[in-house]
Amino acid sequence: MNHIQALQFGFKTFLKVVPWNLRPGLVISLRLSASSMGSKRTISSSSKPISAMDEDKTESKRFKPVVKENGVESVSVGLASFKNNPETIEKMTVQELRTTLRSNGLPAKGLKSELVSALKSLVEKMNGESSQAEEEEDQVQNVGTVSEVRKSKRTSKQSRLEVNTVQVDSKAVTTKKKLSVESVEVSVDSKVELSTPRNEPWTILAHKKPQKDWIPYNPRTMRPPILSRDTKCVKLLSWNVNGLRALLKLDGFSALELAQREDFDILCLQETKLQDKDVEKIACLIDGYQNSFWTCSTSKLGYSGAAIISRIKPLSVKYGLGIEDHDSEGRLVTAEFDSFYLVCGYVPNSGDGLKRLSYRTTEWDVSLSNYLKELEKSKPVILTGDLNCAHQEIDIYNPAGNKRSAGFTIEERESFEKNFLSKGFVDTFRKQHPGVVGYTYWGFRHGLRKTNKGWRLDYFLVSESIADQVHDSYIVPDVHGSDHCPIGLVLKL
C-alpha cells in the first residue's frame, strides 16, 4: 500500500469511527497534509444535526443528508458536482437550492434567482481561487469565527489529519476528544455554543488583513448596561436610508416600531432622496416626534437630502453651511439644543473615477470643519451621518483593494484626520472600541452584507469637551432596508 492509498484508507476509517454527536451543527474544515505530497488538499463538509446516525449508513449519505423543508424531504447536492457543469444549478428546485446553501453554511432566503446567484458565486470561488484563498474565505463565510487554526506538521512516517472548528455565539459548551486511527491522528478541540449566528454575520471577523488583537463587533455583548432612569441623558440615532420613500414601502419595515425598539430621542437621516413636495407627506413620520426638519437637493431632484426628527424641540435650526456652492444639494441640517449643537450631515462622495475628490477634500471638508469650529465657540458640537470615509484599515474589509476607491483614498483619509480629528473632534465608536471591527455599509452587489464584507462610513464625532460624557456609541447591524445600517449614541447630560 503506497502513501496515497494509506492516507485514503485512514480518512475513510476516520469517517466511520468519529461519532457524529461530537460535532452537532458545526461546519468543519478538514485539512489534510502528507509528508510525501508536495501540495495540500482541502476537504470540507457541512451538515445540519442528524440524530440517530447509524454506523451502517453509507459515507455518501453522510455528506448528502436528507433535510425536511416545510415537511418535504430534500437532498443537498455536493458542490463538486457543479465544478464542470455550473449551468445545472438553474435546473434545481427552490428546496434543493436552499438545502444545498444551508448545508454549506450560507443563508438560504430569497427568490429562486437570488438562491441561484448565491450558489453560483460559491461554485465560482471554488473554481477560481487558490487553495489558500479558499481556506481564508471559508473561515469568513462559515458559521462562527475560527477558534483556532492549527498548522499541519509533516513527518516522514505519518500523515496527519487536523480538524479546525468554529466558534459561535451565546453560552459555550467545550468538548475535547482525541482519537488515533492507524496512521491517521485525529484531533478535535471544539468550542460549541448553543445558538448559531447565521443571522448575525457581523459577529464574524471579516477582514482581509486582520491584526492579531482585532475582534468582531457584537452589540449583544459589547454594549454597556442601560443607564438608570434618574440619569439625565439623550439618545440619538443616525441612518443613511438610501431613499426614504423606497424604505417606507418595504414590507415589514415600520419607522414607529424602530422608534419603539430603540427609544431614541432624536433621529438623523441622510440620503433621503426627497423633494420638497414629498416632505409634506412624510413630515410626521413617527408619532411622538413632532419636530422634524428636512433639507432637499434643489440642483438635482431625488438626490441627497438630510433630516433631523426629534421629540425634543430644538432652540434653533439651520440648513446648510451658509455657502451657496455647498448648499444646493441639501446635505446639512443643524439643530441647537440646550447642551449642544447637533449637525446631521451627508458628506459628498468622491464619485466614479474620483471626479469630486478635489472638491470633497479641499473645499467641502475644509468648509464643514470651519463651520463646526465656529459653532463650538458657543457650545459643544455633535456631528453625525454618512461621512463617506473609512478612516483606518480596520474600518474596511479589503483595504489593499480599495486604495483608489472613493471613501478610502489617502486624500480622503488625511482630510478626515486633518479637518476633524486633529481639530478636536472625537470618533466615539473608535474611542469606545479601539480594536473592534464593525461596519455600517455593505454594497448591495454580491451579497456583501451576508458575509460582513463592509465599510465603516457612518460616525458620531463629538467635541473633545463632551467625549467623556458618551455612555455608548454603537452600531445597529440587524436593521435592514438600506445599504447602510443605523448607528447610535447615548450622551449623559
Protein backbone atom coordinates (compact mmCIF):
# COMPACT_ATOMS: atom_id res chain seq x y z
CA MET A 1 0.00 0.00 0.00
CA ASN A 2 1.55 3.35 -1.08
CA HIS A 3 1.30 6.64 0.83
CA ILE A 4 -1.79 7.91 -1.01
CA GLN A 5 -3.68 4.65 -0.55
CA ALA A 6 -2.77 4.62 3.13
CA LEU A 7 -4.00 8.18 3.51
CA GLN A 8 -7.30 7.39 1.77
CA PHE A 9 -7.79 4.30 3.91
CA GLY A 10 -7.11 6.26 7.09
CA PHE A 11 -9.57 9.02 6.13
CA LYS A 12 -12.35 6.51 5.40
CA THR A 13 -11.66 4.81 8.73
CA PHE A 14 -11.89 8.20 10.47
CA LEU A 15 -15.33 8.82 8.96
CA LYS A 16 -16.60 5.51 10.29
CA VAL A 17 -15.33 5.84 13.83
CA VAL A 18 -15.85 9.52 14.71
CA PRO A 19 -19.29 9.83 16.35
CA TRP A 20 -21.49 12.48 14.75
CA ASN A 21 -22.66 13.68 18.12
CA LEU A 22 -19.20 15.15 18.72
CA ARG A 23 -19.87 17.85 16.16
CA PRO A 24 -23.54 18.92 16.20
CA GLY A 25 -24.37 21.83 13.89
CA LEU A 26 -20.75 22.58 13.16
CA VAL A 27 -19.21 23.45 9.86
CA ILE A 28 -15.88 21.61 9.96
CA SER A 29 -12.91 22.21 7.71
CA LEU A 30 -10.58 19.24 7.38
CA ARG A 31 -7.05 19.99 6.29
CA LEU A 32 -5.06 17.00 5.10
CA SER A 33 -1.32 17.08 4.61
CA ALA A 34 1.15 14.29 3.94
CA SER A 35 4.93 14.32 4.10
CA SER A 36 5.25 12.56 0.76
CA MET A 37 2.96 15.00 -1.13
CA GLY A 38 4.06 18.38 -2.46
CA SER A 39 0.64 20.01 -2.24
CA LYS A 40 -2.27 20.25 0.20
CA ARG A 41 -5.85 19.26 -0.45
CA THR A 42 -8.65 20.92 1.44
CA ILE A 43 -11.70 18.79 2.08
CA SER A 44 -14.75 20.41 3.63
CA SER A 45 -18.08 19.11 4.74
CA SER A 46 -21.03 20.67 6.46
CA SER A 47 -24.27 19.32 7.74
CA LYS A 48 -27.16 20.07 9.99
CA PRO A 49 -27.56 17.89 13.11
CA ILE A 50 -28.79 14.44 12.16
CA SER A 51 -29.99 12.30 15.03
CA ALA A 52 -29.57 8.51 15.28
CA MET A 53 -26.88 8.32 12.59
CA ASP A 54 -26.31 4.60 12.28
CA GLU A 55 -22.83 3.20 11.67
CA ASP A 56 -24.01 1.03 8.77
CA LYS A 57 -25.15 4.03 6.67
CA THR A 58 -23.03 4.73 3.61
CA GLU A 59 -20.49 7.54 3.54
CA SER A 60 -22.26 9.18 0.60
CA LYS A 61 -25.36 9.68 2.73
CA ARG A 62 -23.28 11.30 5.44
CA PHE A 63 -22.27 14.03 3.02
CA LYS A 64 -25.76 14.36 1.44
CA PRO A 65 -28.10 14.50 4.41
CA VAL A 66 -31.84 14.34 3.89
CA VAL A 67 -33.36 17.53 5.25
CA LYS A 68 -37.04 18.39 5.56
CA GLU A 69 -38.10 21.72 4.03
CA ASN A 70 -41.67 22.63 5.02
CA GLY A 71 -42.46 18.96 5.51
CA VAL A 72 -40.90 17.90 2.18
CA GLU A 73 -37.74 15.83 2.12
CA SER A 74 -34.91 17.34 0.08
CA VAL A 75 -31.36 16.14 -0.53
CA SER A 76 -28.48 18.62 -0.56
CA VAL A 77 -26.26 18.46 -3.60
CA GLY A 78 -22.46 18.36 -3.27
CA LEU A 79 -20.66 21.40 -4.66
CA ALA A 80 -18.17 19.24 -6.52
CA SER A 81 -20.90 18.20 -8.97
CA PHE A 82 -21.16 21.80 -10.21
CA LYS A 83 -17.48 22.43 -10.85
CA ASN A 84 -17.54 21.43 -14.50
CA ASN A 85 -21.25 21.92 -15.10
CA PRO A 86 -22.47 25.06 -13.23
CA GLU A 87 -25.48 25.55 -15.52
CA THR A 88 -27.23 22.66 -13.77
CA ILE A 89 -27.77 24.98 -10.80
CA GLU A 90 -30.59 26.74 -12.66
CA LYS A 91 -32.44 23.44 -13.05
CA MET A 92 -32.57 22.82 -9.31
CA THR A 93 -35.76 23.35 -7.35
CA VAL A 94 -36.01 26.07 -4.72
CA GLN A 95 -35.94 23.43 -1.97
CA GLU A 96 -32.79 21.85 -3.39
CA LEU A 97 -31.12 25.25 -3.67
CA ARG A 98 -31.98 26.19 -0.09
CA THR A 99 -30.89 22.84 1.31
CA THR A 100 -27.57 22.94 -0.56
CA LEU A 101 -26.81 26.51 0.54
CA ARG A 102 -27.65 25.73 4.17
CA SER A 103 -25.59 22.56 4.12
CA ASN A 104 -22.63 24.73 3.10
CA GLY A 105 -23.19 27.24 5.89
CA LEU A 106 -24.78 30.01 3.81
CA PRO A 107 -28.09 31.88 4.24
CA ALA A 108 -30.90 30.48 2.10
CA LYS A 109 -33.58 33.14 1.95
CA GLY A 110 -34.93 34.97 -1.08
CA LEU A 111 -36.25 34.32 -4.56
CA LYS A 112 -35.01 31.47 -6.73
CA SER A 113 -32.90 33.86 -8.82
CA GLU A 114 -31.13 35.05 -5.65
CA LEU A 115 -30.53 31.49 -4.48
CA VAL A 116 -29.15 30.52 -7.89
CA SER A 117 -26.84 33.55 -7.85
CA ALA A 118 -25.58 32.75 -4.35
CA LEU A 119 -24.82 29.13 -5.24
CA LYS A 120 -23.12 30.10 -8.50
CA SER A 121 -20.94 32.58 -6.62
CA LEU A 122 -19.89 29.85 -4.21
CA VAL A 123 -19.01 27.50 -7.06
CA GLU A 124 -17.07 30.22 -8.87
CA LYS A 125 -15.00 30.76 -5.76
CA MET A 126 -14.23 27.06 -5.65
CA ASN A 127 -13.06 27.11 -9.28
CA GLY A 128 -11.26 30.44 -9.37
CA GLU A 129 -9.38 30.80 -6.07
CA SER A 130 -6.23 29.12 -4.86
CA SER A 131 -6.48 26.61 -2.05
CA GLN A 132 -5.00 29.09 0.40
CA ALA A 133 -7.52 31.76 -0.55
CA GLU A 134 -10.32 29.23 -0.21
CA GLU A 135 -9.26 28.43 3.35
CA GLU A 136 -9.35 32.14 4.26
CA GLU A 137 -12.72 32.66 2.56
CA ASP A 138 -14.26 29.64 4.25
CA GLN A 139 -13.20 30.95 7.65
CA VAL A 140 -15.03 34.22 6.89
CA GLN A 141 -18.21 32.76 5.41
CA ASN A 142 -18.78 29.72 7.61
CA VAL A 143 -20.97 29.93 10.69
CA GLY A 144 -18.99 31.50 13.53
CA THR A 145 -15.38 32.55 13.92
CA VAL A 146 -12.48 30.16 13.77
CA SER A 147 -11.41 29.41 17.29
CA GLU A 148 -8.01 28.07 16.38
CA VAL A 149 -6.17 27.33 13.13
CA ARG A 150 -3.55 24.68 13.54
CA LYS A 151 -0.62 24.21 11.21
CA SER A 152 -0.01 20.72 9.87
CA LYS A 153 3.38 19.29 10.69
CA ARG A 154 4.87 16.98 8.14
CA THR A 155 6.51 13.77 9.32
CA SER A 156 8.28 11.11 7.32
CA LYS A 157 6.23 8.21 8.65
CA GLN A 158 2.83 9.56 9.49
CA SER A 159 0.09 11.55 7.74
CA ARG A 160 -1.84 13.98 9.87
CA LEU A 161 -5.49 14.99 9.68
CA GLU A 162 -6.48 18.12 11.59
CA VAL A 163 -9.94 19.44 12.30
CA ASN A 164 -10.49 23.21 12.52
CA THR A 165 -13.62 24.03 14.45
CA VAL A 166 -15.76 27.13 14.56
CA GLN A 167 -16.94 29.24 17.44
CA VAL A 168 -20.48 30.54 17.52
CA ASP A 169 -22.41 32.95 19.68
CA SER A 170 -24.01 32.65 23.19
CA LYS A 171 -23.42 30.14 26.03
CA ALA A 172 -20.45 27.92 25.32
CA VAL A 173 -20.02 24.19 25.81
CA THR A 174 -16.47 22.87 25.37
CA THR A 175 -15.78 19.38 24.08
CA LYS A 176 -12.34 17.78 23.75
CA LYS A 177 -11.63 14.45 22.15
CA LYS A 178 -8.57 12.84 20.61
CA LEU A 179 -8.68 9.69 18.51
CA SER A 180 -5.95 7.71 16.78
CA VAL A 181 -6.82 5.64 13.71
CA GLU A 182 -3.85 3.59 12.48
CA SER A 183 -1.65 6.09 10.56
CA VAL A 184 -4.12 8.97 10.90
CA GLU A 185 -4.30 11.04 14.08
CA VAL A 186 -7.49 12.98 14.60
CA SER A 187 -7.57 15.93 16.97
CA VAL A 188 -10.85 17.59 17.91
CA ASP A 189 -10.86 20.63 20.18
CA SER A 190 -14.13 22.40 19.68
CA LYS A 191 -15.95 25.19 21.43
CA VAL A 192 -19.62 24.75 20.68
CA GLU A 193 -22.24 27.30 21.59
CA LEU A 194 -25.94 26.84 21.94
CA SER A 195 -27.10 29.25 19.24
CA THR A 196 -25.56 29.84 15.83
CA PRO A 197 -25.01 33.36 14.43
CA ARG A 198 -26.22 32.53 10.93
CA ASN A 199 -28.37 35.65 11.05
CA GLU A 200 -25.65 37.66 12.77
CA PRO A 201 -22.81 37.87 10.22
CA TRP A 202 -21.39 40.95 11.95
CA THR A 203 -20.16 38.66 14.74
CA ILE A 204 -17.74 37.11 12.24
CA LEU A 205 -14.31 38.72 11.98
CA ALA A 206 -14.31 39.62 8.28
CA HIS A 207 -11.14 41.38 7.17
CA LYS A 208 -8.52 40.71 4.51
CA LYS A 209 -5.60 41.52 6.81
CA PRO A 210 -6.76 41.42 10.44
CA GLN A 211 -4.40 42.27 13.26
CA LYS A 212 -3.99 39.68 15.99
CA ASP A 213 -5.84 41.75 18.61
CA TRP A 214 -8.85 42.67 16.43
CA ILE A 215 -12.24 41.22 17.27
CA PRO A 216 -15.66 41.44 15.55
CA TYR A 217 -18.33 43.80 16.83
CA ASN A 218 -21.17 42.19 18.74
CA PRO A 219 -23.68 44.66 20.18
CA ARG A 220 -25.27 41.98 22.35
CA THR A 221 -22.07 41.59 24.36
CA MET A 222 -20.22 44.89 23.88
CA ARG A 223 -22.79 47.49 24.81
CA PRO A 224 -22.68 48.86 28.38
CA PRO A 225 -25.62 48.50 30.78
CA ILE A 226 -28.57 50.82 30.24
CA LEU A 227 -28.40 53.99 32.34
CA SER A 228 -30.75 54.29 35.28
CA ARG A 229 -33.90 56.34 34.76
CA ASP A 230 -32.71 59.11 37.06
CA THR A 231 -29.60 59.68 34.90
CA LYS A 232 -30.15 62.59 32.57
CA CYS A 233 -29.14 61.65 29.04
CA VAL A 234 -30.08 61.92 25.37
CA LYS A 235 -30.16 59.09 22.85
CA LEU A 236 -29.52 59.74 19.17
CA LEU A 237 -29.83 57.50 16.13
CA SER A 238 -28.39 58.21 12.69
CA TRP A 239 -29.07 56.35 9.45
CA ASN A 240 -28.33 56.71 5.75
CA VAL A 241 -31.62 55.32 4.42
CA ASN A 242 -30.65 55.38 0.71
CA GLY A 243 -34.09 56.61 -0.34
CA LEU A 244 -36.74 57.14 2.31
CA ARG A 245 -39.76 56.57 0.06
CA ALA A 246 -38.43 53.17 -1.02
CA LEU A 247 -37.68 52.26 2.59
CA LEU A 248 -41.19 53.08 3.76
CA LYS A 249 -42.66 50.87 1.04
CA LEU A 250 -40.73 47.80 2.18
CA ASP A 251 -42.81 45.00 3.67
CA GLY A 252 -42.08 44.53 7.33
CA PHE A 253 -40.45 47.92 7.90
CA SER A 254 -42.05 50.32 10.36
CA ALA A 255 -40.48 53.59 11.46
CA LEU A 256 -42.70 53.51 14.53
CA GLU A 257 -41.50 50.04 15.51
CA LEU A 258 -37.88 51.17 15.09
CA ALA A 259 -38.58 54.13 17.37
CA GLN A 260 -40.27 51.92 19.96
CA ARG A 261 -37.44 49.41 19.89
CA GLU A 262 -34.55 51.88 20.07
CA ASP A 263 -36.40 54.52 22.12
CA PHE A 264 -34.26 57.32 20.68
CA ASP A 265 -34.85 60.99 21.40
CA ILE A 266 -33.55 62.24 18.06
CA LEU A 267 -33.30 60.54 14.66
CA CYS A 268 -30.96 61.82 11.94
CA LEU A 269 -31.43 60.69 8.34
CA GLN A 270 -29.21 61.04 5.29
CA GLU A 271 -29.71 60.38 1.59
CA THR A 272 -33.48 60.70 1.90
CA LYS A 273 -33.71 61.50 -1.84
CA LEU A 274 -36.85 63.54 -1.22
CA GLN A 275 -38.18 66.60 -2.95
CA ASP A 276 -39.93 69.43 -1.14
CA LYS A 277 -43.32 68.11 -2.27
CA ASP A 278 -42.58 64.75 -0.61
CA VAL A 279 -41.74 66.28 2.75
CA GLU A 280 -45.32 67.40 3.35
CA LYS A 281 -46.50 63.78 3.11
CA ILE A 282 -43.71 62.34 5.27
CA ALA A 283 -43.07 65.15 7.74
CA CYS A 284 -44.94 63.44 10.60
CA LEU A 285 -43.09 60.17 10.10
CA ILE A 286 -43.30 58.89 13.68
CA ASP A 287 -45.96 59.54 16.32
CA GLY A 288 -44.49 61.37 19.28
CA TYR A 289 -41.74 63.01 17.22
CA GLN A 290 -43.42 66.24 16.23
CA ASN A 291 -40.28 68.25 15.48
CA SER A 292 -38.88 67.42 12.06
CA PHE A 293 -36.56 69.43 9.84
CA TRP A 294 -35.80 68.49 6.25
CA THR A 295 -33.45 69.72 3.57
CA CYS A 296 -33.68 68.59 -0.06
CA SER A 297 -31.48 68.91 -3.10
CA THR A 298 -32.53 71.67 -5.48
CA SER A 299 -29.73 71.20 -8.02
CA LYS A 300 -30.56 67.56 -8.68
CA LEU A 301 -34.01 66.23 -7.82
CA GLY A 302 -34.39 62.92 -5.99
CA TYR A 303 -30.81 63.14 -4.75
CA SER A 304 -29.02 63.52 -1.43
CA GLY A 305 -31.15 65.09 1.34
CA ALA A 306 -30.94 65.09 5.16
CA ALA A 307 -33.30 65.41 8.11
CA ILE A 308 -33.49 65.68 11.91
CA ILE A 309 -36.60 64.22 13.61
CA SER A 310 -36.91 64.89 17.33
CA ARG A 311 -39.28 64.61 20.25
CA ILE A 312 -37.24 67.40 21.89
CA LYS A 313 -37.91 70.82 20.46
CA PRO A 314 -34.64 72.50 19.44
CA LEU A 315 -33.80 76.09 20.26
CA SER A 316 -32.97 76.87 16.65
CA VAL A 317 -32.47 75.15 13.27
CA LYS A 318 -30.20 75.99 10.35
CA TYR A 319 -29.87 74.43 6.91
CA GLY A 320 -26.59 74.13 5.02
CA LEU A 321 -23.21 75.76 5.63
CA GLY A 322 -24.26 79.20 4.52
CA ILE A 323 -22.16 78.79 1.36
CA GLU A 324 -24.17 78.69 -1.86
CA ASP A 325 -21.76 76.39 -3.71
CA HIS A 326 -22.19 73.73 -0.98
CA ASP A 327 -25.83 74.07 -0.04
CA SER A 328 -27.75 73.28 -3.25
CA GLU A 329 -27.56 69.53 -2.66
CA GLY A 330 -29.32 69.53 0.72
CA ARG A 331 -26.61 67.86 2.75
CA LEU A 332 -26.68 69.51 6.17
CA VAL A 333 -29.15 70.28 8.97
CA THR A 334 -28.10 71.81 12.29
CA ALA A 335 -30.29 71.79 15.40
CA GLU A 336 -29.36 73.69 18.56
CA PHE A 337 -30.29 72.14 21.89
CA ASP A 338 -29.64 73.28 25.46
CA SER A 339 -26.32 71.46 25.85
CA PHE A 340 -25.02 71.01 22.31
CA TYR A 341 -25.37 71.60 18.60
CA LEU A 342 -26.37 68.57 16.54
CA VAL A 343 -25.20 68.58 12.92
CA CYS A 344 -26.66 65.92 10.63
CA GLY A 345 -24.51 65.67 7.51
CA TYR A 346 -24.25 63.69 4.30
CA VAL A 347 -20.72 64.29 3.05
CA PRO A 348 -20.31 64.24 -0.75
CA ASN A 349 -18.99 61.03 -2.27
CA SER A 350 -15.89 61.49 -4.40
CA GLY A 351 -17.73 59.62 -7.15
CA ASP A 352 -16.85 57.32 -10.01
CA GLY A 353 -13.36 57.99 -11.24
CA LEU A 354 -12.85 60.22 -8.16
CA LYS A 355 -14.28 63.15 -10.15
CA ARG A 356 -15.23 65.05 -6.99
CA LEU A 357 -12.21 64.10 -4.90
CA SER A 358 -10.63 67.55 -5.07
CA TYR A 359 -13.93 69.29 -4.29
CA ARG A 360 -14.53 66.94 -1.39
CA THR A 361 -11.12 67.26 0.27
CA THR A 362 -10.10 70.85 -0.50
CA GLU A 363 -13.47 72.60 -0.36
CA TRP A 364 -16.29 70.69 1.40
CA ASP A 365 -14.27 69.19 4.27
CA VAL A 366 -12.50 72.47 4.95
CA SER A 367 -15.76 74.47 4.95
CA LEU A 368 -17.51 71.93 7.19
CA SER A 369 -14.61 71.92 9.63
CA ASN A 370 -14.60 75.72 9.87
CA TYR A 371 -18.37 75.70 10.37
CA LEU A 372 -18.14 73.20 13.23
CA LYS A 373 -15.37 75.13 14.97
CA GLU A 374 -17.44 78.30 14.74
CA LEU A 375 -20.41 76.55 16.38
CA GLU A 376 -18.10 75.16 19.05
CA LYS A 377 -17.37 78.67 20.28
CA SER A 378 -20.89 78.69 21.76
CA LYS A 379 -21.37 75.09 22.93
CA PRO A 380 -20.14 71.54 22.18
CA VAL A 381 -20.91 70.01 18.80
CA ILE A 382 -22.06 66.55 17.70
CA LEU A 383 -21.51 65.73 14.02
CA THR A 384 -23.27 62.62 12.77
CA GLY A 385 -24.11 60.99 9.48
CA ASP A 386 -22.60 59.31 6.47
CA LEU A 387 -19.20 60.97 6.33
CA ASN A 388 -18.15 58.84 3.35
CA CYS A 389 -14.71 57.92 4.69
CA ALA A 390 -13.35 54.70 6.15
CA HIS A 391 -10.67 56.34 8.26
CA GLN A 392 -8.36 53.41 9.04
CA GLU A 393 -7.65 49.95 7.64
CA ILE A 394 -9.67 48.44 10.48
CA ASP A 395 -12.71 50.29 9.07
CA ILE A 396 -12.83 48.42 5.74
CA TYR A 397 -12.84 44.73 4.82
CA ASN A 398 -10.40 45.00 1.90
CA PRO A 399 -8.05 47.97 2.41
CA ALA A 400 -5.45 46.91 -0.15
CA GLY A 401 -8.02 46.53 -2.90
CA ASN A 402 -9.67 49.93 -2.29
CA LYS A 403 -6.77 52.36 -2.10
CA ARG A 404 -8.17 54.30 -5.06
CA SER A 405 -11.83 53.77 -4.25
CA ALA A 406 -13.99 56.71 -3.20
CA GLY A 407 -14.16 56.72 0.58
CA PHE A 408 -10.74 55.16 1.20
CA THR A 409 -8.26 57.21 -0.80
CA ILE A 410 -5.28 58.55 1.09
CA GLU A 411 -6.50 62.09 0.30
CA GLU A 412 -9.89 61.50 1.96
CA ARG A 413 -8.39 59.77 4.98
CA GLU A 414 -5.83 62.53 5.50
CA SER A 415 -8.55 65.15 5.11
CA PHE A 416 -10.71 63.37 7.69
CA GLU A 417 -7.79 63.38 10.11
CA LYS A 418 -6.73 66.96 9.41
CA ASN A 419 -10.13 68.66 9.33
CA PHE A 420 -11.96 66.78 12.07
CA LEU A 421 -9.92 64.55 14.39
CA SER A 422 -6.94 66.88 14.60
CA LYS A 423 -9.33 69.78 15.23
CA GLY A 424 -10.52 68.19 18.47
CA PHE A 425 -13.44 66.05 17.36
CA VAL A 426 -13.53 62.51 18.76
CA ASP A 427 -14.59 59.39 16.85
CA THR A 428 -16.79 57.99 19.61
CA PHE A 429 -17.10 54.43 18.32
CA ARG A 430 -13.35 54.02 17.85
CA LYS A 431 -12.69 55.56 21.27
CA GLN A 432 -15.03 53.04 22.89
CA HIS A 433 -13.92 50.09 20.72
CA PRO A 434 -10.25 50.62 19.71
CA GLY A 435 -9.68 47.10 18.34
CA VAL A 436 -13.15 46.21 17.13
CA VAL A 437 -14.09 45.56 13.50
CA GLY A 438 -17.56 46.98 12.98
CA TYR A 439 -19.05 48.05 9.65
CA THR A 440 -22.01 50.29 8.79
CA TYR A 441 -22.13 49.94 5.00
CA TRP A 442 -22.24 46.91 2.70
CA GLY A 443 -22.70 47.18 -1.06
CA PHE A 444 -25.87 45.61 -2.42
CA ARG A 445 -23.98 43.68 -5.09
CA HIS A 446 -22.55 40.22 -4.36
CA GLY A 447 -24.44 39.89 -1.06
CA LEU A 448 -21.63 41.50 0.93
CA ARG A 449 -23.81 42.06 3.98
CA LYS A 450 -24.31 38.30 4.37
CA THR A 451 -20.56 37.80 4.65
CA ASN A 452 -19.91 41.04 6.58
CA LYS A 453 -17.55 42.49 3.99
CA GLY A 454 -18.22 46.13 4.64
CA TRP A 455 -17.03 49.65 5.41
CA ARG A 456 -17.49 51.91 8.43
CA LEU A 457 -18.64 55.17 6.86
CA ASP A 458 -21.11 56.45 9.48
CA TYR A 459 -19.95 58.30 12.57
CA PHE A 460 -20.75 60.22 15.69
CA LEU A 461 -17.96 62.78 16.14
CA VAL A 462 -18.19 64.93 19.27
CA SER A 463 -16.31 67.87 20.69
CA GLU A 464 -13.49 66.75 22.93
CA SER A 465 -15.09 68.63 25.83
CA ILE A 466 -18.01 66.15 25.96
CA ALA A 467 -16.21 62.98 24.83
CA ASP A 468 -16.14 61.63 28.38
CA GLN A 469 -19.91 62.10 28.65
CA VAL A 470 -20.50 59.48 25.94
CA HIS A 471 -22.02 56.45 27.64
CA ASP A 472 -22.39 54.37 24.48
CA SER A 473 -21.52 54.64 20.80
CA TYR A 474 -22.87 51.67 18.92
CA ILE A 475 -23.88 50.10 15.61
CA VAL A 476 -27.31 48.58 14.93
CA PRO A 477 -26.40 45.96 12.28
CA ASP A 478 -29.63 43.95 12.32
CA VAL A 479 -31.78 46.77 10.86
CA HIS A 480 -32.16 46.27 7.10
CA GLY A 481 -33.76 48.28 4.31
CA SER A 482 -30.70 50.24 3.20
CA ASP A 483 -27.11 49.50 2.21
CA HIS A 484 -26.21 51.25 5.48
CA CYS A 485 -27.36 50.35 8.99
CA PRO A 486 -28.17 52.80 11.80
CA ILE A 487 -25.67 53.91 14.43
CA GLY A 488 -26.47 55.20 17.91
CA LEU A 489 -25.10 57.47 20.62
CA VAL A 490 -26.06 57.80 24.29
CA LEU A 491 -24.78 61.01 25.83
CA LYS A 492 -25.00 61.83 29.52
CA LEU A 493 -26.05 65.43 30.14
